[in-house]
Amino acid sequence: MTVDQTHLSAIGDVAEALRARGMQVEQVLESGFITGSVPDDRRSALTAVDGVQSVDEQLDYQLPPPEEDIQ
């Protein structure tokens, strides 16, 4: 999550509101980010939280094994 500039001083309150909507909060970073996880069906509820600027999805990637040819 990215917290908007006007809510940085209340980032703890934003994190609590996210928890109330089902997010498992892992970190609250004073720089304006909250990390954690939430089931896909609850994700849209997070965008409605006052102070949330954006909900970003973690993208996973897998490097090929060392024995593979370089592409």
PDB file of N, CA and C in Angstrom:
ATOM      1  N   MET A   1       0.838  -1.160   0.000  1.00  0.00           N
ATOM      2  CA  MET A   1       0.000   0.000   0.000  1.00  0.00           C
ATOM      3  C   MET A   1       0.884   1.223   0.000  1.00  0.00           C
ATOM      4  N   THR A   2       0.437   2.212  -0.711  1.00  0.00           N
ATOM      5  CA  THR A   2       1.061   3.520  -0.625  1.00  0.00           C
ATOM      6  C   THR A   2       0.065   4.432   0.074  1.00  0.00           C
ATOM      7  N   VAL A   3       0.534   5.125   1.103  1.00  0.00           N
ATOM      8  CA  VAL A   3      -0.306   6.039   1.875  1.00  0.00           C
ATOM      9  C   VAL A   3      -0.107   7.438   1.306  1.00  0.00           C
ATOM     10  N   ASP A   4      -1.212   8.174   1.131  1.00  0.00           N
ATOM     11  CA  ASP A   4      -1.082   9.518   0.567  1.00  0.00           C
ATOM     12  C   ASP A   4      -0.414  10.471   1.555  1.00  0.00           C
ATOM     13  N   GLN A   5       0.136  11.541   1.022  1.00  0.00           N
ATOM     14  CA  GLN A   5       0.925  12.496   1.813  1.00  0.00           C
ATOM     15  C   GLN A   5       0.156  13.089   2.986  1.00  0.00           C
ATOM     16  N   THR A   6      -1.126  13.320   2.819  1.00  0.00           N
ATOM     17  CA  THR A   6      -1.895  13.956   3.896  1.00  0.00           C
ATOM     18  C   THR A   6      -2.154  13.020   5.077  1.00  0.00           C
ATOM     19  N   HIS A   7      -1.931  11.726   4.901  1.00  0.00           N
ATOM     20  CA  HIS A   7      -2.178  10.765   5.976  1.00  0.00           C
ATOM     21  C   HIS A   7      -0.895  10.162   6.563  1.00  0.00           C
ATOM     22  N   LEU A   8       0.262  10.668   6.168  1.00  0.00           N
ATOM     23  CA  LEU A   8       1.515  10.108   6.682  1.00  0.00           C
ATOM     24  C   LEU A   8       1.606  10.199   8.199  1.00  0.00           C
ATOM     25  N   SER A   9       1.129  11.271   8.760  1.00  0.00           N
ATOM     26  CA  SER A   9       1.207  11.421  10.217  1.00  0.00           C
ATOM     27  C   SER A   9       0.262  10.457  10.944  1.00  0.00           C
ATOM     28  N   ALA A  10      -0.705   9.899  10.224  1.00  0.00           N
ATOM     29  CA  ALA A  10      -1.663   8.958  10.811  1.00  0.00           C
ATOM     30  C   ALA A  10      -1.521   7.578  10.182  1.00  0.00           C
ATOM     31  N   ILE A  11      -0.309   7.218   9.764  1.00  0.00           N
ATOM     32  CA  ILE A  11      -0.106   5.946   9.065  1.00  0.00           C
ATOM     33  C   ILE A  11      -0.496   4.747   9.934  1.00  0.00           C
ATOM     34  N   GLY A  12      -0.340   4.866  11.227  1.00  0.00           N
ATOM     35  CA  GLY A  12      -0.753   3.789  12.127  1.00  0.00           C
ATOM     36  C   GLY A  12      -2.265   3.564  12.080  1.00  0.00           C
ATOM     37  N   ASP A  13      -3.021   4.640  11.983  1.00  0.00           N
ATOM     38  CA  ASP A  13      -4.479   4.533  11.874  1.00  0.00           C
ATOM     39  C   ASP A  13      -4.877   3.899  10.546  1.00  0.00           C
ATOM     40  N   VAL A  14      -4.154   4.245   9.479  1.00  0.00           N
ATOM     41  CA  VAL A  14      -4.417   3.642   8.172  1.00  0.00           C
ATOM     42  C   VAL A  14      -4.159   2.136   8.250  1.00  0.00           C
ATOM     43  N   ALA A  15      -3.064   1.752   8.898  1.00  0.00           N
ATOM     44  CA  ALA A  15      -2.735   0.331   9.048  1.00  0.00           C
ATOM     45  C   ALA A  15      -3.827  -0.401   9.827  1.00  0.00           C
ATOM     46  N   GLU A  16      -4.347   0.213  10.873  1.00  0.00           N
ATOM     47  CA  GLU A  16      -5.430  -0.406  11.656  1.00  0.00           C
ATOM     48  C   GLU A  16      -6.686  -0.573  10.818  1.00  0.00           C
ATOM     49  N   ALA A  17      -6.997   0.405   9.992  1.00  0.00           N
ATOM     50  CA  ALA A  17      -8.169   0.305   9.120  1.00  0.00           C
ATOM     51  C   ALA A  17      -7.987  -0.822   8.106  1.00  0.00           C
ATOM     52  N   LEU A  18      -6.771  -1.005   7.627  1.00  0.00           N
ATOM     53  CA  LEU A  18      -6.489  -2.097   6.698  1.00  0.00           C
ATOM     54  C   LEU A  18      -6.641  -3.447   7.391  1.00  0.00           C
ATOM     55  N   ARG A  19      -6.148  -3.544   8.615  1.00  0.00           N
ATOM     56  CA  ARG A  19      -6.321  -4.781   9.399  1.00  0.00           C
ATOM     57  C   ARG A  19      -7.802  -5.105   9.583  1.00  0.00           C
ATOM     58  N   ALA A  20      -8.599  -4.080   9.850  1.00  0.00           N
ATOM     59  CA  ALA A  20     -10.032  -4.270  10.064  1.00  0.00           C
ATOM     60  C   ALA A  20     -10.727  -4.799   8.812  1.00  0.00           C
ATOM     61  N   ARG A  21     -10.120  -4.568   7.669  1.00  0.00           N
ATOM     62  CA  ARG A  21     -10.693  -5.047   6.406  1.00  0.00           C
ATOM     63  C   ARG A  21     -10.045  -6.338   5.924  1.00  0.00           C
ATOM     64  N   GLY A  22      -9.272  -6.962   6.796  1.00  0.00           N
ATOM     65  CA  GLY A  22      -8.755  -8.295   6.492  1.00  0.00           C
ATOM     66  C   GLY A  22      -7.313  -8.380   6.036  1.00  0.00           C
ATOM     67  N   MET A  23      -6.593  -7.280   6.056  1.00  0.00           N
ATOM     68  CA  MET A  23      -5.191  -7.327   5.630  1.00  0.00           C
ATOM     69  C   MET A  23      -4.311  -7.810   6.775  1.00  0.00           C
ATOM     70  N   GLN A  24      -3.390  -8.702   6.462  1.00  0.00           N
ATOM     71  CA  GLN A  24      -2.366  -9.142   7.404  1.00  0.00           C
ATOM     72  C   GLN A  24      -1.201  -8.171   7.237  1.00  0.00           C
ATOM     73  N   VAL A  25      -1.107  -7.159   8.098  1.00  0.00           N
ATOM     74  CA  VAL A  25      -0.080  -6.125   7.990  1.00  0.00           C
ATOM     75  C   VAL A  25       1.243  -6.678   8.498  1.00  0.00           C
ATOM     76  N   GLU A  26       2.279  -6.554   7.674  1.00  0.00           N
ATOM     77  CA  GLU A  26       3.612  -7.029   8.052  1.00  0.00           C
ATOM     78  C   GLU A  26       4.517  -5.888   8.497  1.00  0.00           C
ATOM     79  N   GLN A  27       4.494  -4.789   7.744  1.00  0.00           N
ATOM     80  CA  GLN A  27       5.355  -3.647   8.085  1.00  0.00           C
ATOM     81  C   GLN A  27       4.606  -2.345   7.842  1.00  0.00           C
ATOM     82  N   VAL A  28       4.861  -1.375   8.712  1.00  0.00           N
ATOM     83  CA  VAL A  28       4.362  -0.020   8.531  1.00  0.00           C
ATOM     84  C   VAL A  28       5.597   0.865   8.459  1.00  0.00           C
ATOM     85  N   LEU A  29       5.850   1.399   7.282  1.00  0.00           N
ATOM     86  CA  LEU A  29       7.047   2.202   7.057  1.00  0.00           C
ATOM     87  C   LEU A  29       6.681   3.678   7.068  1.00  0.00           C
ATOM     88  N   GLU A  30       7.333   4.435   7.929  1.00  0.00           N
ATOM     89  CA  GLU A  30       7.035   5.853   8.090  1.00  0.00           C
ATOM     90  C   GLU A  30       7.201   6.643   6.794  1.00  0.00           C
ATOM     91  N   SER A  31       7.874   6.058   5.811  1.00  0.00           N
ATOM     92  CA  SER A  31       8.054   6.731   4.522  1.00  0.00           C
ATOM     93  C   SER A  31       6.770   6.704   3.688  1.00  0.00           C
ATOM     94  N   GLY A  32       5.743   5.984   4.163  1.00  0.00           N
ATOM     95  CA  GLY A  32       4.459   6.011   3.492  1.00  0.00           C
ATOM     96  C   GLY A  32       4.031   4.712   2.853  1.00  0.00           C
ATOM     97  N   PHE A  33       4.621   3.613   3.288  1.00  0.00           N
ATOM     98  CA  PHE A  33       4.268   2.313   2.719  1.00  0.00           C
ATOM     99  C   PHE A  33       3.846   1.350   3.825  1.00  0.00           C
ATOM    100  N   ILE A  34       2.873   0.515   3.493  1.00  0.00           N
ATOM    101  CA  ILE A  34       2.423  -0.539   4.389  1.00  0.00           C
ATOM    102  C   ILE A  34       2.482  -1.828   3.590  1.00  0.00           C
ATOM    103  N   THR A  35       3.186  -2.818   4.128  1.00  0.00           N
ATOM    104  CA  THR A  35       3.295  -4.086   3.422  1.00  0.00           C
ATOM    105  C   THR A  35       2.495  -5.149   4.156  1.00  0.00           C
ATOM    106  N   GLY A  36       2.053  -6.128   3.400  1.00  0.00           N
ATOM    107  CA  GLY A  36       1.293  -7.219   3.988  1.00  0.00           C
ATOM    108  C   GLY A  36       0.618  -8.034   2.909  1.00  0.00           C
ATOM    109  N   SER A  37      -0.350  -8.821   3.336  1.00  0.00           N
ATOM    110  CA  SER A  37      -1.066  -9.665   2.378  1.00  0.00           C
ATOM    111  C   SER A  37      -2.549  -9.652   2.712  1.00  0.00           C
ATOM    112  N   VAL A  38      -3.322  -9.968   1.685  1.00  0.00           N
ATOM    113  CA  VAL A  38      -4.771  -9.989   1.824  1.00  0.00           C
ATOM    114  C   VAL A  38      -5.325 -10.948   0.774  1.00  0.00           C
ATOM    115  N   PRO A  39      -6.374 -11.683   1.099  1.00  0.00           N
ATOM    116  CA  PRO A  39      -6.997 -12.536   0.079  1.00  0.00           C
ATOM    117  C   PRO A  39      -7.489 -11.684  -1.091  1.00  0.00           C
ATOM    118  N   ASP A  40      -7.453 -12.253  -2.279  1.00  0.00           N
ATOM    119  CA  ASP A  40      -7.847 -11.524  -3.482  1.00  0.00           C
ATOM    120  C   ASP A  40      -9.248 -10.930  -3.384  1.00  0.00           C
ATOM    121  N   ASP A  41     -10.163 -11.648  -2.752  1.00  0.00           N
ATOM    122  CA  ASP A  41     -11.545 -11.163  -2.689  1.00  0.00           C
ATOM    123  C   ASP A  41     -11.719  -9.982  -1.729  1.00  0.00           C
ATOM    124  N   ARG A  42     -10.699  -9.661  -0.946  1.00  0.00           N
ATOM    125  CA  ARG A  42     -10.762  -8.532  -0.006  1.00  0.00           C
ATOM    126  C   ARG A  42      -9.996  -7.310  -0.519  1.00  0.00           C
ATOM    127  N   ARG A  43      -9.267  -7.494  -1.610  1.00  0.00           N
ATOM    128  CA  ARG A  43      -8.377  -6.442  -2.105  1.00  0.00           C
ATOM    129  C   ARG A  43      -9.125  -5.150  -2.453  1.00  0.00           C
ATOM    130  N   SER A  44     -10.266  -5.263  -3.080  1.00  0.00           N
ATOM    131  CA  SER A  44     -10.994  -4.054  -3.487  1.00  0.00           C
ATOM    132  C   SER A  44     -11.446  -3.232  -2.276  1.00  0.00           C
ATOM    133  N   ALA A  45     -11.686  -3.875  -1.136  1.00  0.00           N
ATOM    134  CA  ALA A  45     -12.094  -3.152   0.070  1.00  0.00           C
ATOM    135  C   ALA A  45     -10.977  -2.256   0.590  1.00  0.00           C
ATOM    136  N   LEU A  46      -9.738  -2.589   0.279  1.00  0.00           N
ATOM    137  CA  LEU A  46      -8.608  -1.807   0.781  1.00  0.00           C
ATOM    138  C   LEU A  46      -8.488  -0.456   0.099  1.00  0.00           C
ATOM    139  N   THR A  47      -8.901  -0.381  -1.160  1.00  0.00           N
ATOM    140  CA  THR A  47      -8.797   0.894  -1.879  1.00  0.00           C
ATOM    141  C   THR A  47      -9.746   1.940  -1.305  1.00  0.00           C
ATOM    142  N   ALA A  48     -10.772   1.511  -0.581  1.00  0.00           N
ATOM    143  CA  ALA A  48     -11.737   2.439   0.007  1.00  0.00           C
ATOM    144  C   ALA A  48     -11.265   3.023   1.340  1.00  0.00           C
ATOM    145  N   VAL A  49     -10.154   2.527   1.877  1.00  0.00           N
ATOM    146  CA  VAL A  49      -9.648   3.023   3.162  1.00  0.00           C
ATOM    147  C   VAL A  49      -9.120   4.440   2.985  1.00  0.00           C
ATOM    148  N   ASP A  50      -9.572   5.325   3.839  1.00  0.00           N
ATOM    149  CA  ASP A  50      -9.138   6.716   3.790  1.00  0.00           C
ATOM    150  C   ASP A  50      -7.632   6.791   4.030  1.00  0.00           C
ATOM    151  N   GLY A  51      -6.925   7.387   3.116  1.00  0.00           N
ATOM    152  CA  GLY A  51      -5.474   7.522   3.224  1.00  0.00           C
ATOM    153  C   GLY A  51      -4.711   6.610   2.289  1.00  0.00           C
ATOM    154  N   VAL A  52      -5.380   5.597   1.712  1.00  0.00           N
ATOM    155  CA  VAL A  52      -4.705   4.691   0.783  1.00  0.00           C
ATOM    156  C   VAL A  52      -4.655   5.346  -0.589  1.00  0.00           C
ATOM    157  N   GLN A  53      -3.451   5.565  -1.068  1.00  0.00           N
ATOM    158  CA  GLN A  53      -3.264   6.154  -2.393  1.00  0.00           C
ATOM    159  C   GLN A  53      -3.301   5.080  -3.468  1.00  0.00           C
ATOM    160  N   SER A  54      -2.645   3.943  -3.207  1.00  0.00           N
ATOM    161  CA  SER A  54      -2.655   2.857  -4.189  1.00  0.00           C
ATOM    162  C   SER A  54      -2.455   1.521  -3.501  1.00  0.00           C
ATOM    163  N   VAL A  55      -3.001   0.489  -4.131  1.00  0.00           N
ATOM    164  CA  VAL A  55      -2.836  -0.889  -3.688  1.00  0.00           C
ATOM    165  C   VAL A  55      -2.020  -1.574  -4.768  1.00  0.00           C
ATOM    166  N   ASP A  56      -0.817  -1.964  -4.414  1.00  0.00           N
ATOM    167  CA  ASP A  56       0.084  -2.557  -5.389  1.00  0.00           C
ATOM    168  C   ASP A  56       0.192  -4.050  -5.165  1.00  0.00           C
ATOM    169  N   GLU A  57       0.166  -4.780  -6.241  1.00  0.00           N
ATOM    170  CA  GLU A  57       0.272  -6.227  -6.191  1.00  0.00           C
ATOM    171  C   GLU A  57       1.726  -6.634  -6.300  1.00  0.00           C
ATOM    172  N   GLN A  58       2.132  -7.571  -5.481  1.00  0.00           N
ATOM    173  CA  GLN A  58       3.494  -8.087  -5.575  1.00  0.00           C
ATOM    174  C   GLN A  58       3.587  -8.998  -6.786  1.00  0.00           C
ATOM    175  N   LEU A  59       4.590  -8.771  -7.564  1.00  0.00           N
ATOM    176  CA  LEU A  59       4.819  -9.606  -8.736  1.00  0.00           C
ATOM    177  C   LEU A  59       5.959 -10.560  -8.433  1.00  0.00           C
ATOM    178  N   ASP A  60       5.718 -11.833  -8.626  1.00  0.00           N
ATOM    179  CA  ASP A  60       6.745 -12.841  -8.401  1.00  0.00           C
ATOM    180  C   ASP A  60       7.413 -13.187  -9.718  1.00  0.00           C
ATOM    181  N   TYR A  61       8.665 -13.520  -9.637  1.00  0.00           N
ATOM    182  CA  TYR A  61       9.365 -13.985 -10.824  1.00  0.00           C
ATOM    183  C   TYR A  61      10.303 -15.103 -10.423  1.00  0.00           C
ATOM    184  N   GLN A  62      10.632 -15.921 -11.369  1.00  0.00           N
ATOM    185  CA  GLN A  62      11.483 -17.077 -11.117  1.00  0.00           C
ATOM    186  C   GLN A  62      12.637 -17.052 -12.109  1.00  0.00           C
ATOM    187  N   LEU A  63      13.843 -17.033 -11.607  1.00  0.00           N
ATOM    188  CA  LEU A  63      15.011 -17.129 -12.474  1.00  0.00           C
ATOM    189  C   LEU A  63      15.188 -18.571 -12.910  1.00  0.00           C
ATOM    190  N   PRO A  64      15.686 -18.771 -14.123  1.00  0.00           N
ATOM    191  CA  PRO A  64      15.917 -20.153 -14.553  1.00  0.00           C
ATOM    192  C   PRO A  64      17.045 -20.783 -13.727  1.00  0.00           C
ATOM    193  N   PRO A  65      17.056 -22.101 -13.630  1.00  0.00           N
ATOM    194  CA  PRO A  65      18.114 -22.769 -12.887  1.00  0.00           C
ATOM    195  C   PRO A  65      19.483 -22.477 -13.516  1.00  0.00           C
ATOM    196  N   PRO A  66      20.546 -22.526 -12.733  1.00  0.00           N
ATOM    197  CA  PRO A  66      21.879 -22.196 -13.227  1.00  0.00           C
ATOM    198  C   PRO A  66      22.341 -23.042 -14.420  1.00  0.00           C
ATOM    199  N   GLU A  67      21.830 -24.254 -14.528  1.00  0.00           N
ATOM    200  CA  GLU A  67      22.272 -25.103 -15.620  1.00  0.00           C
ATOM    201  C   GLU A  67      21.556 -24.804 -16.945  1.00  0.00           C
ATOM    202  N   GLU A  68      20.561 -23.943 -16.938  1.00  0.00           N
ATOM    203  CA  GLU A  68      19.843 -23.584 -18.165  1.00  0.00           C
ATOM    204  C   GLU A  68      20.691 -22.650 -19.025  1.00  0.00           C
ATOM    205  N   ASP A  69      20.454 -22.724 -20.326  1.00  0.00           N
ATOM    206  CA  ASP A  69      21.103 -21.794 -21.244  1.00  0.00           C
ATOM    207  C   ASP A  69      20.563 -20.393 -20.995  1.00  0.00           C
ATOM    208  N   ILE A  70      21.417 -19.404 -21.141  1.00  0.00           N
ATOM    209  CA  ILE A  70      20.973 -18.024 -20.992  1.00  0.00           C
ATOM    210  C   ILE A  70      20.163 -17.636 -22.224  1.00  0.00           C
ATOM    211  N   GLN A  71      19.046 -17.043 -21.999  1.00  0.00           N
ATOM    212  CA  GLN A  71      18.145 -16.670 -23.102  1.00  0.00           C
ATOM    213  C   GLN A  71      18.537 -15.331 -23.683  1.00  0.00           C
TER     214      GLN A  71
END
